[in-house]
Amino acid sequence: MASRIGKIKLGSQGLEVSAQGLGCMGMSDFYGPLKPEQDMITLIYHAIHNGVTFLDTADIYGPFTNEILLGKVRFEGRDREKVQLATKFANSFEDGKWVIRGNPAYVRVACEVSLKRLDVDCIDLYYQHRIDTSVPIEVTIGELKKLVEEGKIKYIGLSEASASTIRRAHAVHPITAVQLEWSLWSRDVEEEIIPTCRELGIGIVAYSPLGRGFFSTGPKLIETLSNDDVRKVEQIDASPSEECRGRYIQVRVNIDIRQPISRGRFVDVGDSKPLWISLQYERMPYFATGVRNGNRSGLGWVF
């Protein structure tokens, strides 16, 4: 079967990935009850078979179980060379509290254990998931640079970093990609971060381009969520950020957010958002996942 998913260059250091990535977080955490492991492995195989070879995870997803899940995926022949694995470090739960770590010793240990959980010798793209403001970014990137030199990671990324932090990090070692939330309801990144990345030749990896499911379902999605789904928790007012709470309030105010965007254009809502986001930044992949169905992604636009 010929792949419908093209390849793009991510950043300026030579990393090539599929134009759509598979975000694996919801397979193990945050979005409702735990999904059957074999169903998720089947979904991953299906994604790869259809050309979605850019797989995204993090040590905090589970925690740890999402990386372990990907480590159970067995690649036949040269398939491993076709797949790009991205994972992240810096977030951890300690004594019931959310802690961000960016000190060199933590970075090294986090990388080593992620390699074991993923059952690989090298991580293709290694992100600092959140920025530890108690450690200069130059120090953290300096340790990541050593891991590149040792062959344990190939490329360095940042997630949810400010424009100034991106510049400082890039001065120590080239940053290949910045991952951030970017969609029709999350456009603040266009003010400084996107222009900075474009100037420096850094790739953008957009997550939640479909508004965490709200763009395809609308405000009624809240009624269908289980109590352990983070989207329902945040909507109830337990979100760690005012910005996130504001987005959920915005969804509830807009009675039907699908119609103004897609009506009259003969496209499904799942078509219009990825198309919009992909036109904003050249050579940019975005993440989406459909964990409810092991046979195809939740986006008919892709599979």
Protein backbone atom coordinates (compact mmCIF):
# COMPACT_ATOMS: atom_id res chain seq x y z
CA MET A 1 0.00 0.00 0.00
CA ALA A 2 1.50 3.34 -1.02
CA SER A 3 1.86 5.87 1.79
CA ARG A 4 -0.27 9.01 1.66
CA ILE A 5 1.98 10.71 4.19
CA GLY A 6 4.91 12.67 2.83
CA LYS A 7 8.32 13.23 4.38
CA ILE A 8 9.71 16.57 5.51
CA LYS A 9 12.98 17.90 6.84
CA LEU A 10 12.61 18.91 10.47
CA GLY A 11 15.00 21.68 11.40
CA SER A 12 18.37 22.23 9.76
CA GLN A 13 20.45 19.31 11.03
CA GLY A 14 19.22 16.62 8.65
CA LEU A 15 16.36 14.95 10.54
CA GLU A 16 13.66 13.70 8.16
CA VAL A 17 10.27 12.72 9.56
CA SER A 18 6.77 11.93 8.34
CA ALA A 19 4.60 15.01 7.80
CA GLN A 20 2.24 13.71 10.49
CA GLY A 21 3.45 12.21 13.72
CA LEU A 22 1.71 9.80 16.06
CA GLY A 23 1.35 11.28 19.53
CA CYS A 24 1.29 8.29 21.87
CA MET A 25 0.50 10.01 25.19
CA GLY A 26 -3.21 9.17 25.19
CA MET A 27 -2.48 5.48 24.77
CA SER A 28 -1.24 5.27 28.37
CA ASP A 29 -2.30 8.35 30.29
CA PHE A 30 -4.34 11.55 30.64
CA TYR A 31 -7.18 10.81 28.20
CA GLY A 32 -9.45 8.45 30.10
CA PRO A 33 -9.05 4.80 31.11
CA LEU A 34 -5.99 2.79 30.16
CA LYS A 35 -6.28 1.35 26.66
CA PRO A 36 -5.61 -2.33 25.89
CA GLU A 37 -1.91 -2.68 25.22
CA GLN A 38 -2.21 -4.95 22.20
CA ASP A 39 -4.73 -2.59 20.60
CA MET A 40 -2.27 0.26 20.97
CA ILE A 41 0.59 -1.77 19.51
CA THR A 42 -1.67 -2.65 16.59
CA LEU A 43 -2.43 1.04 16.12
CA ILE A 44 1.29 1.87 16.08
CA TYR A 45 1.98 -0.80 13.47
CA HIS A 46 -0.93 0.49 11.41
CA ALA A 47 0.42 4.05 11.59
CA ILE A 48 3.87 2.95 10.45
CA HIS A 49 2.38 0.87 7.63
CA ASN A 50 0.56 3.98 6.42
CA GLY A 51 3.65 6.16 6.50
CA VAL A 52 3.32 7.80 9.92
CA THR A 53 6.80 7.02 11.18
CA PHE A 54 7.36 9.91 13.62
CA LEU A 55 6.41 8.54 17.06
CA ASP A 56 6.23 10.83 20.08
CA THR A 57 6.29 9.89 23.76
CA ALA A 58 7.74 11.09 27.09
CA ASP A 59 8.94 9.55 30.33
CA ILE A 60 6.15 11.29 32.27
CA TYR A 61 3.41 9.59 30.24
CA GLY A 62 2.19 6.86 32.55
CA PRO A 63 4.62 7.67 34.02
CA PHE A 64 7.07 5.44 32.14
CA THR A 65 4.47 3.05 30.73
CA ASN A 66 4.15 4.86 27.40
CA GLU A 67 7.86 4.47 26.69
CA ILE A 68 7.64 0.82 27.75
CA LEU A 69 4.74 0.35 25.32
CA LEU A 70 6.82 1.70 22.43
CA GLY A 71 9.68 -0.52 23.55
CA LYS A 72 7.47 -3.53 22.91
CA VAL A 73 6.96 -2.61 19.27
CA ARG A 74 9.17 -4.92 17.24
CA PHE A 75 10.46 -3.56 13.98
CA GLU A 76 11.08 -6.02 11.18
CA GLY A 77 14.18 -5.77 9.02
CA ARG A 78 15.02 -2.17 8.22
CA ASP A 79 11.80 -0.77 9.71
CA ARG A 80 13.66 0.71 12.72
CA GLU A 81 15.66 2.87 10.33
CA LYS A 82 12.41 4.21 8.89
CA VAL A 83 10.98 5.18 12.28
CA GLN A 84 11.88 8.33 14.20
CA LEU A 85 11.43 8.02 17.96
CA ALA A 86 11.05 11.19 20.01
CA THR A 87 10.83 11.27 23.78
CA LYS A 88 11.18 13.86 26.52
CA PHE A 89 12.62 14.40 29.98
CA ALA A 90 12.43 17.00 32.80
CA ASN A 91 9.00 16.27 34.35
CA SER A 92 8.69 14.02 37.37
CA PHE A 93 6.45 13.42 40.38
CA GLU A 94 8.29 13.58 43.70
CA ASP A 95 6.44 13.23 47.00
CA GLY A 96 3.18 13.86 45.21
CA LYS A 97 4.41 17.09 43.63
CA TRP A 98 5.16 17.95 40.01
CA VAL A 99 8.87 18.75 39.71
CA ILE A 100 10.89 20.00 36.74
CA ARG A 101 14.53 18.93 36.51
CA GLY A 102 17.22 20.14 34.13
CA ASN A 103 20.46 19.56 36.02
CA PRO A 104 23.12 17.52 34.18
CA ALA A 105 23.02 14.47 36.47
CA TYR A 106 19.25 14.18 36.08
CA VAL A 107 19.44 14.65 32.30
CA ARG A 108 21.93 11.81 31.93
CA VAL A 109 20.04 9.37 34.14
CA ALA A 110 16.73 10.23 32.45
CA CYS A 111 18.25 9.51 29.05
CA GLU A 112 19.75 6.20 30.15
CA VAL A 113 16.49 4.86 31.57
CA SER A 114 14.49 6.05 28.55
CA LEU A 115 16.88 4.16 26.28
CA LYS A 116 16.19 1.01 28.31
CA ARG A 117 12.43 1.45 28.36
CA LEU A 118 12.33 2.14 24.62
CA ASP A 119 14.73 -0.77 24.03
CA VAL A 120 16.90 1.23 21.63
CA ASP A 121 20.55 2.25 21.48
CA CYS A 122 19.86 5.82 20.40
CA ILE A 123 16.95 8.27 20.69
CA ASP A 124 16.31 10.14 17.46
CA LEU A 125 14.94 13.35 19.00
CA TYR A 126 15.27 14.12 22.70
CA TYR A 127 13.27 17.05 24.07
CA GLN A 128 13.53 18.97 27.29
CA HIS A 129 9.82 18.71 28.11
CA ARG A 130 9.64 21.77 30.34
CA ILE A 131 12.29 24.33 31.25
CA ASP A 132 13.89 24.16 34.70
CA THR A 133 14.25 27.83 35.60
CA SER A 134 16.63 26.99 38.45
CA VAL A 135 19.24 25.68 36.00
CA PRO A 136 20.66 27.85 33.20
CA ILE A 137 19.51 26.45 29.88
CA GLU A 138 23.13 26.53 28.72
CA VAL A 139 24.00 23.96 31.39
CA THR A 140 21.18 21.60 30.42
CA ILE A 141 21.94 21.84 26.70
CA GLY A 142 25.62 21.34 27.45
CA GLU A 143 24.83 17.92 28.92
CA LEU A 144 22.54 17.07 26.01
CA LYS A 145 25.37 18.00 23.65
CA LYS A 146 27.54 15.41 25.40
CA LEU A 147 24.83 12.78 24.89
CA VAL A 148 24.82 13.61 21.18
CA GLU A 149 28.59 13.22 21.04
CA GLU A 150 28.30 9.86 22.83
CA GLY A 151 25.76 8.62 20.28
CA LYS A 152 22.91 8.24 22.79
CA ILE A 153 20.72 10.84 21.11
CA LYS A 154 20.80 12.23 17.57
CA TYR A 155 18.98 15.55 17.82
CA ILE A 156 17.97 17.96 20.59
CA GLY A 157 14.55 19.55 21.01
CA LEU A 158 12.74 21.86 23.41
CA SER A 159 9.09 21.82 24.42
CA GLU A 160 7.14 24.89 25.57
CA ALA A 161 10.18 27.18 25.70
CA SER A 162 10.24 30.96 25.37
CA ALA A 163 11.88 32.70 22.42
CA SER A 164 14.79 33.90 24.57
CA THR A 165 15.38 30.41 25.98
CA ILE A 166 15.36 28.97 22.47
CA ARG A 167 18.02 31.47 21.37
CA ARG A 168 20.26 30.75 24.34
CA ALA A 169 19.94 27.00 23.90
CA HIS A 170 20.60 27.18 20.17
CA ALA A 171 23.83 29.09 20.83
CA VAL A 172 25.20 26.08 22.77
CA HIS A 173 24.11 23.37 20.32
CA PRO A 174 21.76 23.49 17.34
CA ILE A 175 18.16 22.90 18.37
CA THR A 176 16.40 20.74 15.80
CA ALA A 177 12.79 21.20 16.90
CA VAL A 178 10.51 23.04 19.30
CA GLN A 179 7.27 21.32 20.25
CA LEU A 180 4.34 23.50 21.22
CA GLU A 181 0.57 23.66 21.12
CA TRP A 182 -0.54 25.43 17.95
CA SER A 183 -4.03 25.49 16.55
CA LEU A 184 -6.86 27.87 15.75
CA TRP A 185 -7.41 28.48 19.47
CA SER A 186 -3.75 28.56 20.49
CA ARG A 187 -2.01 31.24 18.43
CA ASP A 188 0.00 33.21 20.98
CA VAL A 189 3.10 31.32 19.81
CA GLU A 190 2.92 33.27 16.53
CA GLU A 191 4.04 36.47 18.25
CA GLU A 192 7.65 35.57 19.13
CA ILE A 193 8.33 31.85 19.18
CA ILE A 194 7.43 30.98 15.59
CA PRO A 195 9.42 33.89 14.10
CA THR A 196 12.42 32.99 16.26
CA CYS A 197 12.36 29.37 15.13
CA ARG A 198 11.99 30.39 11.50
CA GLU A 199 14.96 32.76 11.81
CA LEU A 200 17.18 30.10 13.41
CA GLY A 201 16.12 27.27 11.11
CA ILE A 202 14.46 25.31 13.91
CA GLY A 203 11.58 22.99 13.10
CA ILE A 204 8.19 23.33 14.76
CA VAL A 205 6.27 20.27 15.97
CA ALA A 206 2.66 21.18 16.69
CA TYR A 207 0.61 19.14 19.14
CA SER A 208 -3.17 19.23 19.62
CA PRO A 209 -3.87 20.81 16.21
CA LEU A 210 -7.49 19.66 16.58
CA GLY A 211 -7.96 21.40 19.93
CA ARG A 212 -7.75 18.18 21.99
CA GLY A 213 -10.81 16.80 20.26
CA PHE A 214 -13.03 19.85 20.66
CA PHE A 215 -12.67 20.98 17.05
CA SER A 216 -14.12 17.74 15.74
CA THR A 217 -16.81 17.25 18.40
CA GLY A 218 -17.56 20.67 19.84
CA PRO A 219 -18.41 21.57 23.45
CA LYS A 220 -20.52 18.43 23.87
CA LEU A 221 -17.26 16.49 24.11
CA ILE A 222 -17.12 17.34 27.82
CA GLU A 223 -20.26 15.27 28.41
CA THR A 224 -18.66 12.15 26.91
CA LEU A 225 -15.42 12.24 28.91
CA SER A 226 -14.69 9.97 31.85
CA ASN A 227 -13.82 11.55 35.18
CA ASP A 228 -10.16 10.58 34.83
CA ASP A 229 -9.80 12.40 31.52
CA VAL A 230 -7.55 15.43 32.01
CA ARG A 231 -9.69 17.49 29.63
CA LYS A 232 -12.65 17.13 31.98
CA VAL A 233 -10.53 17.85 35.03
CA GLU A 234 -9.15 21.01 33.46
CA GLN A 235 -12.60 22.13 32.40
CA ILE A 236 -13.83 21.70 35.98
CA ASP A 237 -11.21 24.29 37.02
CA ALA A 238 -8.31 22.12 38.10
CA SER A 239 -6.08 23.22 35.24
CA PRO A 240 -2.57 24.29 36.22
CA SER A 241 -2.81 27.35 33.98
CA GLU A 242 -5.27 30.18 33.46
CA GLU A 243 -4.60 29.99 29.73
CA CYS A 244 -5.76 26.38 29.52
CA ARG A 245 -8.89 27.08 31.54
CA GLY A 246 -9.66 29.98 29.25
CA ARG A 247 -9.57 27.74 26.19
CA TYR A 248 -12.10 25.34 27.64
CA ILE A 249 -14.39 28.20 28.60
CA GLN A 250 -14.09 29.48 25.04
CA VAL A 251 -15.22 26.11 23.70
CA ARG A 252 -18.30 26.06 25.90
CA VAL A 253 -19.28 29.58 24.79
CA ASN A 254 -19.07 28.69 21.09
CA ILE A 255 -22.18 26.58 20.56
CA ASP A 256 -20.91 24.92 17.39
CA ILE A 257 -17.31 25.73 16.56
CA ARG A 258 -17.33 23.42 13.54
CA GLN A 259 -19.70 25.32 11.29
CA PRO A 260 -17.85 28.65 10.81
CA ILE A 261 -14.68 26.87 9.72
CA SER A 262 -15.87 24.01 7.55
CA ARG A 263 -19.35 24.86 6.26
CA GLY A 264 -19.50 25.31 2.51
CA ARG A 265 -15.98 24.05 1.91
CA PHE A 266 -16.90 20.39 1.45
CA VAL A 267 -14.38 19.24 4.03
CA ASP A 268 -14.70 17.49 7.34
CA VAL A 269 -13.56 19.42 10.39
CA GLY A 270 -10.71 16.93 10.66
CA ASP A 271 -9.52 18.20 7.29
CA SER A 272 -9.58 21.92 7.85
CA LYS A 273 -7.49 22.20 11.04
CA PRO A 274 -4.45 20.18 9.91
CA LEU A 275 -4.60 21.94 6.55
CA TRP A 276 -4.64 25.33 8.26
CA ILE A 277 -1.78 24.51 10.60
CA SER A 278 0.37 22.90 7.90
CA LEU A 279 0.14 26.04 5.77
CA GLN A 280 1.43 28.29 8.55
CA TYR A 281 4.98 26.95 8.78
CA GLU A 282 6.89 25.22 6.03
CA ARG A 283 8.16 21.71 6.74
CA MET A 284 6.25 21.25 9.98
CA PRO A 285 4.78 17.98 11.26
CA TYR A 286 1.86 17.87 13.68
CA PHE A 287 0.64 15.22 16.07
CA ALA A 288 -2.72 13.52 16.28
CA THR A 289 -3.81 10.15 17.56
CA GLY A 290 -6.90 8.00 17.48
CA VAL A 291 -6.61 5.65 20.42
CA ARG A 292 -10.20 4.44 20.36
CA ASN A 293 -9.78 2.39 17.23
CA GLY A 294 -6.89 0.04 16.60
CA ASN A 295 -7.64 -0.18 12.90
CA ARG A 296 -7.18 3.45 11.95
CA SER A 297 -6.41 6.83 13.40
CA GLY A 298 -9.14 9.13 14.61
CA LEU A 299 -8.32 11.31 11.62
CA GLY A 300 -9.78 10.00 8.38
CA TRP A 301 -7.78 12.81 6.79
CA VAL A 302 -4.68 10.70 7.29
CA PHE A 303 -5.50 7.03 7.17
